[in-house]
Amino acid sequence: MMIDWKKIDTVLLDMDGTLLDLNFDNYFWNEFVPLKFAERKGINLISAKQQLKPNFKHMEGQLEWYCLDYWSRELQLDIAGLKAEISGLISVLPHVTEFLEKLQKTTKKILLVTNAHPDSLGLKMEKTCLQFFFDEIISSHNFGAPKESAVFWKLLSQQQEFDNNNTLLIDDSISVLNAARLYGIRNLIAVSKPDSMMPIKQIIGYPAIVDFRTLMVGL
């Protein structure tokens, strides 16, 4: 058994790549945004990707990387509008709903903890209706610091009462899991197939799941 559920009081769940298929975001940033950027600049798609790649790379792990307002200003595109344009691609990963239904029948506190911008978060909840499973939904934008930062975890613990020893975080980002471990959260699980269209990732340093069926044992 990967988790002793009797010892878990609080479950922190990431959204993109954990509950929702990261294929939407990967397609959006790697293909759709470059296409629209190319159209606006009057250049070809290859040139657009070459221009955007270093800009994206520079902001990885920072709050701006997740901020739709920032990228709208930088690229002079309506990023929130573009996400809505292809929102039909938003989907829940396999066995997530089944896991959440089972988890909701327990007395555990269930928190969605995401780096997603509020506009993106709202769109995805509208499309998936997963919001009803959570006691609270927290975006790192409300704290002014991403989950990769120690500041986020300090502010989260001030807003939400939880015991590090009895808290479980499930996330597809190793950088986020590292930050949570440094803060002292004891139970950490990685998601090794965040994008349904990509191969399983090799995870080093954390127990990993391909989907949530593994975690339903003993819940």
C-alpha atoms as a PDB file:
ATOM      1  CA  MET A   1       0.000   0.000   0.000  1.00  0.00           C
ATOM      2  CA  MET A   2       1.478   3.341  -1.063  1.00  0.00           C
ATOM      3  CA  ILE A   3      -0.367   5.395   1.561  1.00  0.00           C
ATOM      4  CA  ASP A   4      -1.643   4.562   5.021  1.00  0.00           C
ATOM      5  CA  TRP A   5      -4.889   6.485   4.702  1.00  0.00           C
ATOM      6  CA  LYS A   6      -5.617   6.196   8.437  1.00  0.00           C
ATOM      7  CA  LYS A   7      -2.707   8.594   9.002  1.00  0.00           C
ATOM      8  CA  ILE A   8      -3.846  11.209   6.462  1.00  0.00           C
ATOM      9  CA  ASP A   9      -6.072  14.093   7.574  1.00  0.00           C
ATOM     10  CA  THR A  10      -5.532  16.532   4.689  1.00  0.00           C
ATOM     11  CA  VAL A  11      -5.131  15.867   0.955  1.00  0.00           C
ATOM     12  CA  LEU A  12      -3.599  18.558  -1.253  1.00  0.00           C
ATOM     13  CA  LEU A  13      -4.211  17.990  -4.960  1.00  0.00           C
ATOM     14  CA  ASP A  14      -2.615  19.763  -7.891  1.00  0.00           C
ATOM     15  CA  MET A  15      -4.825  20.430 -10.912  1.00  0.00           C
ATOM     16  CA  ASP A  16      -3.015  20.452 -14.285  1.00  0.00           C
ATOM     17  CA  GLY A  17      -1.208  17.189 -14.907  1.00  0.00           C
ATOM     18  CA  THR A  18      -2.592  15.626 -11.737  1.00  0.00           C
ATOM     19  CA  LEU A  19      -6.376  15.816 -12.023  1.00  0.00           C
ATOM     20  CA  LEU A  20      -6.605  17.275 -15.523  1.00  0.00           C
ATOM     21  CA  ASP A  21      -4.860  16.070 -18.662  1.00  0.00           C
ATOM     22  CA  LEU A  22      -1.776  18.225 -19.255  1.00  0.00           C
ATOM     23  CA  ASN A  23      -2.231  17.642 -22.976  1.00  0.00           C
ATOM     24  CA  PHE A  24      -4.493  20.704 -23.074  1.00  0.00           C
ATOM     25  CA  ASP A  25      -1.818  23.005 -21.638  1.00  0.00           C
ATOM     26  CA  ASN A  26       1.017  21.454 -23.625  1.00  0.00           C
ATOM     27  CA  TYR A  27      -0.913  21.849 -26.863  1.00  0.00           C
ATOM     28  CA  PHE A  28      -1.989  25.381 -25.913  1.00  0.00           C
ATOM     29  CA  TRP A  29       1.497  26.709 -25.134  1.00  0.00           C
ATOM     30  CA  ASN A  30       3.510  24.632 -27.598  1.00  0.00           C
ATOM     31  CA  GLU A  31       1.232  24.873 -30.638  1.00  0.00           C
ATOM     32  CA  PHE A  32      -1.808  27.145 -30.340  1.00  0.00           C
ATOM     33  CA  VAL A  33      -0.137  30.217 -28.805  1.00  0.00           C
ATOM     34  CA  PRO A  34       2.795  30.077 -31.267  1.00  0.00           C
ATOM     35  CA  LEU A  35       0.267  29.803 -34.121  1.00  0.00           C
ATOM     36  CA  LYS A  36      -1.620  32.890 -32.966  1.00  0.00           C
ATOM     37  CA  PHE A  37       1.639  34.732 -32.264  1.00  0.00           C
ATOM     38  CA  ALA A  38       2.847  33.901 -35.772  1.00  0.00           C
ATOM     39  CA  GLU A  39      -0.400  35.231 -37.255  1.00  0.00           C
ATOM     40  CA  ARG A  40      -0.105  38.479 -35.291  1.00  0.00           C
ATOM     41  CA  LYS A  41       3.567  39.014 -36.210  1.00  0.00           C
ATOM     42  CA  GLY A  42       3.197  37.898 -39.826  1.00  0.00           C
ATOM     43  CA  ILE A  43       5.876  35.224 -39.473  1.00  0.00           C
ATOM     44  CA  ASN A  44       5.898  31.454 -39.952  1.00  0.00           C
ATOM     45  CA  LEU A  45       5.182  28.988 -37.151  1.00  0.00           C
ATOM     46  CA  ILE A  46       8.795  27.793 -36.838  1.00  0.00           C
ATOM     47  CA  SER A  47      10.048  31.353 -36.344  1.00  0.00           C
ATOM     48  CA  ALA A  48       7.313  32.026 -33.800  1.00  0.00           C
ATOM     49  CA  LYS A  49       8.302  28.963 -31.773  1.00  0.00           C
ATOM     50  CA  GLN A  50      11.965  29.978 -31.905  1.00  0.00           C
ATOM     51  CA  GLN A  51      11.101  33.448 -30.576  1.00  0.00           C
ATOM     52  CA  LEU A  52       8.801  32.196 -27.826  1.00  0.00           C
ATOM     53  CA  LYS A  53      10.846  29.277 -26.499  1.00  0.00           C
ATOM     54  CA  PRO A  54      13.504  31.306 -24.596  1.00  0.00           C
ATOM     55  CA  ASN A  55      10.812  33.646 -23.217  1.00  0.00           C
ATOM     56  CA  PHE A  56       8.852  30.695 -21.850  1.00  0.00           C
ATOM     57  CA  LYS A  57      11.980  28.985 -20.505  1.00  0.00           C
ATOM     58  CA  HIS A  58      13.079  32.125 -18.664  1.00  0.00           C
ATOM     59  CA  MET A  59       9.829  32.280 -16.697  1.00  0.00           C
ATOM     60  CA  GLU A  60       9.543  28.608 -15.706  1.00  0.00           C
ATOM     61  CA  GLY A  61       8.953  28.157 -11.979  1.00  0.00           C
ATOM     62  CA  GLN A  62       8.012  31.813 -11.501  1.00  0.00           C
ATOM     63  CA  LEU A  63       4.495  33.099 -10.912  1.00  0.00           C
ATOM     64  CA  GLU A  64       4.596  34.951 -14.245  1.00  0.00           C
ATOM     65  CA  TRP A  65       4.852  31.628 -16.086  1.00  0.00           C
ATOM     66  CA  TYR A  66       1.342  30.794 -14.864  1.00  0.00           C
ATOM     67  CA  CYS A  67      -0.073  34.321 -15.233  1.00  0.00           C
ATOM     68  CA  LEU A  68      -2.419  34.845 -18.175  1.00  0.00           C
ATOM     69  CA  ASP A  69      -2.322  38.629 -17.683  1.00  0.00           C
ATOM     70  CA  TYR A  70       1.474  38.628 -17.940  1.00  0.00           C
ATOM     71  CA  TRP A  71       1.517  36.657 -21.192  1.00  0.00           C
ATOM     72  CA  SER A  72      -1.339  38.694 -22.641  1.00  0.00           C
ATOM     73  CA  ARG A  73       0.781  41.830 -22.141  1.00  0.00           C
ATOM     74  CA  GLU A  74       4.032  40.235 -23.308  1.00  0.00           C
ATOM     75  CA  LEU A  75       2.622  38.613 -26.444  1.00  0.00           C
ATOM     76  CA  GLN A  76      -0.186  41.101 -27.128  1.00  0.00           C
ATOM     77  CA  LEU A  77      -2.647  38.243 -27.312  1.00  0.00           C
ATOM     78  CA  ASP A  78      -5.860  37.549 -25.389  1.00  0.00           C
ATOM     79  CA  ILE A  79      -4.536  34.445 -23.625  1.00  0.00           C
ATOM     80  CA  ALA A  80      -7.672  33.826 -21.558  1.00  0.00           C
ATOM     81  CA  GLY A  81      -9.779  34.176 -24.706  1.00  0.00           C
ATOM     82  CA  LEU A  82      -7.550  31.768 -26.603  1.00  0.00           C
ATOM     83  CA  LYS A  83      -7.878  29.198 -23.823  1.00  0.00           C
ATOM     84  CA  ALA A  84     -11.661  29.508 -23.986  1.00  0.00           C
ATOM     85  CA  GLU A  85     -11.465  29.059 -27.770  1.00  0.00           C
ATOM     86  CA  ILE A  86     -10.074  25.515 -27.411  1.00  0.00           C
ATOM     87  CA  SER A  87     -11.657  24.682 -24.044  1.00  0.00           C
ATOM     88  CA  GLY A  88     -13.263  21.610 -25.595  1.00  0.00           C
ATOM     89  CA  LEU A  89      -9.848  19.943 -25.218  1.00  0.00           C
ATOM     90  CA  ILE A  90      -9.931  20.246 -21.413  1.00  0.00           C
ATOM     91  CA  SER A  91     -10.376  16.793 -19.911  1.00  0.00           C
ATOM     92  CA  VAL A  92     -10.111  14.917 -16.612  1.00  0.00           C
ATOM     93  CA  LEU A  93      -7.443  12.230 -16.358  1.00  0.00           C
ATOM     94  CA  PRO A  94      -8.553   8.578 -16.021  1.00  0.00           C
ATOM     95  CA  HIS A  95      -9.927   7.422 -12.626  1.00  0.00           C
ATOM     96  CA  VAL A  96      -9.711  10.939 -11.109  1.00  0.00           C
ATOM     97  CA  THR A  97     -13.452  11.332 -10.592  1.00  0.00           C
ATOM     98  CA  GLU A  98     -13.707   7.864  -9.081  1.00  0.00           C
ATOM     99  CA  PHE A  99     -10.883   8.707  -6.665  1.00  0.00           C
ATOM    100  CA  LEU A 100     -12.427  12.061  -5.692  1.00  0.00           C
ATOM    101  CA  GLU A 101     -15.834  10.468  -5.100  1.00  0.00           C
ATOM    102  CA  LYS A 102     -14.271   7.918  -2.795  1.00  0.00           C
ATOM    103  CA  LEU A 103     -12.139  10.537  -1.027  1.00  0.00           C
ATOM    104  CA  GLN A 104     -15.140  12.804  -0.505  1.00  0.00           C
ATOM    105  CA  LYS A 105     -16.896  10.061   1.488  1.00  0.00           C
ATOM    106  CA  THR A 106     -14.148  10.252   4.123  1.00  0.00           C
ATOM    107  CA  THR A 107     -13.680  12.949   6.777  1.00  0.00           C
ATOM    108  CA  LYS A 108     -10.430  14.185   5.245  1.00  0.00           C
ATOM    109  CA  LYS A 109      -9.982  17.812   4.247  1.00  0.00           C
ATOM    110  CA  ILE A 110      -9.602  18.010   0.452  1.00  0.00           C
ATOM    111  CA  LEU A 111      -7.884  21.063  -1.011  1.00  0.00           C
ATOM    112  CA  LEU A 112      -7.159  21.909  -4.626  1.00  0.00           C
ATOM    113  CA  VAL A 113      -3.816  23.702  -4.632  1.00  0.00           C
ATOM    114  CA  THR A 114      -2.821  25.027  -8.043  1.00  0.00           C
ATOM    115  CA  ASN A 115      -0.519  27.478  -9.800  1.00  0.00           C
ATOM    116  CA  ALA A 116      -3.249  28.117 -12.366  1.00  0.00           C
ATOM    117  CA  HIS A 117      -4.298  31.721 -12.927  1.00  0.00           C
ATOM    118  CA  PRO A 118      -7.828  32.403 -11.615  1.00  0.00           C
ATOM    119  CA  ASP A 119      -9.161  32.828 -15.175  1.00  0.00           C
ATOM    120  CA  SER A 120      -7.752  29.463 -16.244  1.00  0.00           C
ATOM    121  CA  LEU A 121      -8.916  27.871 -13.007  1.00  0.00           C
ATOM    122  CA  GLY A 122     -12.451  29.180 -13.506  1.00  0.00           C
ATOM    123  CA  LEU A 123     -12.589  27.934 -17.095  1.00  0.00           C
ATOM    124  CA  LYS A 124     -11.389  24.469 -16.139  1.00  0.00           C
ATOM    125  CA  MET A 125     -13.789  24.118 -13.226  1.00  0.00           C
ATOM    126  CA  GLU A 126     -16.634  25.254 -15.497  1.00  0.00           C
ATOM    127  CA  LYS A 127     -15.710  22.550 -18.001  1.00  0.00           C
ATOM    128  CA  THR A 128     -15.078  19.703 -15.529  1.00  0.00           C
ATOM    129  CA  CYS A 129     -17.310  20.552 -12.505  1.00  0.00           C
ATOM    130  CA  LEU A 130     -14.631  19.169 -10.173  1.00  0.00           C
ATOM    131  CA  GLN A 131     -15.002  22.134  -7.795  1.00  0.00           C
ATOM    132  CA  PHE A 132     -17.710  20.340  -5.836  1.00  0.00           C
ATOM    133  CA  PHE A 133     -15.203  17.796  -4.532  1.00  0.00           C
ATOM    134  CA  PHE A 134     -13.062  20.313  -2.637  1.00  0.00           C
ATOM    135  CA  ASP A 135     -13.377  21.974   0.751  1.00  0.00           C
ATOM    136  CA  GLU A 136     -11.434  24.876  -0.710  1.00  0.00           C
ATOM    137  CA  ILE A 137      -9.682  25.839  -3.939  1.00  0.00           C
ATOM    138  CA  ILE A 138      -6.429  27.784  -3.647  1.00  0.00           C
ATOM    139  CA  SER A 139      -4.556  29.501  -6.456  1.00  0.00           C
ATOM    140  CA  SER A 140      -0.956  30.514  -5.796  1.00  0.00           C
ATOM    141  CA  HIS A 141      -1.776  33.847  -7.479  1.00  0.00           C
ATOM    142  CA  ASN A 142      -3.718  34.784  -4.352  1.00  0.00           C
ATOM    143  CA  PHE A 143      -0.466  34.448  -2.372  1.00  0.00           C
ATOM    144  CA  GLY A 144       1.763  36.163  -4.927  1.00  0.00           C
ATOM    145  CA  ALA A 145       4.133  33.181  -4.951  1.00  0.00           C
ATOM    146  CA  PRO A 146       4.165  29.900  -6.913  1.00  0.00           C
ATOM    147  CA  LYS A 147       4.098  26.454  -5.314  1.00  0.00           C
ATOM    148  CA  GLU A 148       7.785  26.102  -6.182  1.00  0.00           C
ATOM    149  CA  SER A 149       8.493  28.803  -3.572  1.00  0.00           C
ATOM    150  CA  ALA A 150       8.884  28.379   0.202  1.00  0.00           C
ATOM    151  CA  VAL A 151       6.779  31.531   0.559  1.00  0.00           C
ATOM    152  CA  PHE A 152       3.750  29.755  -0.869  1.00  0.00           C
ATOM    153  CA  TRP A 153       3.882  26.925   1.665  1.00  0.00           C
ATOM    154  CA  LYS A 154       4.336  29.309   4.563  1.00  0.00           C
ATOM    155  CA  LEU A 155       1.329  31.386   3.485  1.00  0.00           C
ATOM    156  CA  LEU A 156      -0.770  28.286   2.796  1.00  0.00           C
ATOM    157  CA  SER A 157      -0.115  26.951   6.303  1.00  0.00           C
ATOM    158  CA  GLN A 158      -1.175  30.300   7.751  1.00  0.00           C
ATOM    159  CA  GLN A 159      -4.469  30.179   5.837  1.00  0.00           C
ATOM    160  CA  GLN A 160      -5.190  26.459   6.155  1.00  0.00           C
ATOM    161  CA  GLU A 161      -4.694  24.395   9.288  1.00  0.00           C
ATOM    162  CA  PHE A 162      -2.883  21.141   8.523  1.00  0.00           C
ATOM    163  CA  ASP A 163      -0.295  18.904  10.143  1.00  0.00           C
ATOM    164  CA  ASN A 164       2.716  18.264   7.878  1.00  0.00           C
ATOM    165  CA  ASN A 165       2.974  14.692   9.164  1.00  0.00           C
ATOM    166  CA  ASN A 166      -0.653  13.892   8.304  1.00  0.00           C
ATOM    167  CA  THR A 167      -0.858  15.739   4.993  1.00  0.00           C
ATOM    168  CA  LEU A 168      -0.569  14.220   1.518  1.00  0.00           C
ATOM    169  CA  LEU A 169       0.386  16.224  -1.584  1.00  0.00           C
ATOM    170  CA  ILE A 170      -0.076  14.745  -5.064  1.00  0.00           C
ATOM    171  CA  ASP A 171       1.548  16.741  -7.880  1.00  0.00           C
ATOM    172  CA  ASP A 172       3.150  16.141 -11.268  1.00  0.00           C
ATOM    173  CA  SER A 173       5.865  18.768 -10.709  1.00  0.00           C
ATOM    174  CA  ILE A 174       9.083  17.591  -9.074  1.00  0.00           C
ATOM    175  CA  SER A 175       9.999  21.216  -8.321  1.00  0.00           C
ATOM    176  CA  VAL A 176       6.756  21.628  -6.375  1.00  0.00           C
ATOM    177  CA  LEU A 177       7.240  18.340  -4.542  1.00  0.00           C
ATOM    178  CA  ASN A 178      10.778  19.424  -3.624  1.00  0.00           C
ATOM    179  CA  ALA A 179       9.502  22.717  -2.192  1.00  0.00           C
ATOM    180  CA  ALA A 180       6.803  20.920  -0.201  1.00  0.00           C
ATOM    181  CA  ARG A 181       9.365  18.452   1.156  1.00  0.00           C
ATOM    182  CA  LEU A 182      11.641  21.293   2.229  1.00  0.00           C
ATOM    183  CA  TYR A 183       8.684  22.833   4.039  1.00  0.00           C
ATOM    184  CA  GLY A 184       8.196  19.554   5.894  1.00  0.00           C
ATOM    185  CA  ILE A 185       5.210  17.899   4.248  1.00  0.00           C
ATOM    186  CA  ARG A 186       5.817  14.227   4.831  1.00  0.00           C
ATOM    187  CA  ASN A 187       3.611  12.380   2.334  1.00  0.00           C
ATOM    188  CA  LEU A 188       4.434  13.229  -1.270  1.00  0.00           C
ATOM    189  CA  ILE A 189       3.404  11.416  -4.461  1.00  0.00           C
ATOM    190  CA  ALA A 190       4.289  12.254  -8.053  1.00  0.00           C
ATOM    191  CA  VAL A 191       2.144  11.690 -11.143  1.00  0.00           C
ATOM    192  CA  SER A 192       4.180  10.003 -13.863  1.00  0.00           C
ATOM    193  CA  LYS A 193       1.696  10.349 -16.745  1.00  0.00           C
ATOM    194  CA  PRO A 194       0.392  13.920 -16.578  1.00  0.00           C
ATOM    195  CA  ASP A 195      -0.148  14.117 -20.353  1.00  0.00           C
ATOM    196  CA  SER A 196      -2.244  11.306 -21.837  1.00  0.00           C
ATOM    197  CA  MET A 197      -0.511  11.720 -25.199  1.00  0.00           C
ATOM    198  CA  MET A 198       3.039  11.414 -23.823  1.00  0.00           C
ATOM    199  CA  PRO A 199       4.993   8.437 -22.457  1.00  0.00           C
ATOM    200  CA  ILE A 200       5.210   7.727 -18.725  1.00  0.00           C
ATOM    201  CA  LYS A 201       7.903   9.897 -17.094  1.00  0.00           C
ATOM    202  CA  GLN A 202      10.644   8.346 -14.998  1.00  0.00           C
ATOM    203  CA  ILE A 203      10.321   9.725 -11.477  1.00  0.00           C
ATOM    204  CA  ILE A 204      13.319   9.736  -9.150  1.00  0.00           C
ATOM    205  CA  GLY A 205      13.077  10.515  -5.455  1.00  0.00           C
ATOM    206  CA  TYR A 206       9.321  10.123  -4.973  1.00  0.00           C
ATOM    207  CA  PRO A 207       6.771   7.318  -5.124  1.00  0.00           C
ATOM    208  CA  ALA A 208       4.814   7.756  -8.348  1.00  0.00           C
ATOM    209  CA  ILE A 209       1.453   6.802  -9.789  1.00  0.00           C
ATOM    210  CA  VAL A 210       0.346   6.460 -13.408  1.00  0.00           C
ATOM    211  CA  ASP A 211      -3.276   6.985 -12.363  1.00  0.00           C
ATOM    212  CA  PHE A 212      -5.328   7.109  -9.167  1.00  0.00           C
ATOM    213  CA  ARG A 213      -6.350   3.460  -9.053  1.00  0.00           C
ATOM    214  CA  THR A 214      -3.212   2.714  -7.024  1.00  0.00           C
ATOM    215  CA  LEU A 215      -4.245   5.176  -4.312  1.00  0.00           C
ATOM    216  CA  MET A 216      -7.776   3.856  -3.920  1.00  0.00           C
ATOM    217  CA  VAL A 217      -6.437   0.766  -2.164  1.00  0.00           C
ATOM    218  CA  GLY A 218      -7.308   1.119   1.513  1.00  0.00           C
ATOM    219  CA  LEU A 219      -9.129   4.433   1.084  1.00  0.00           C
END
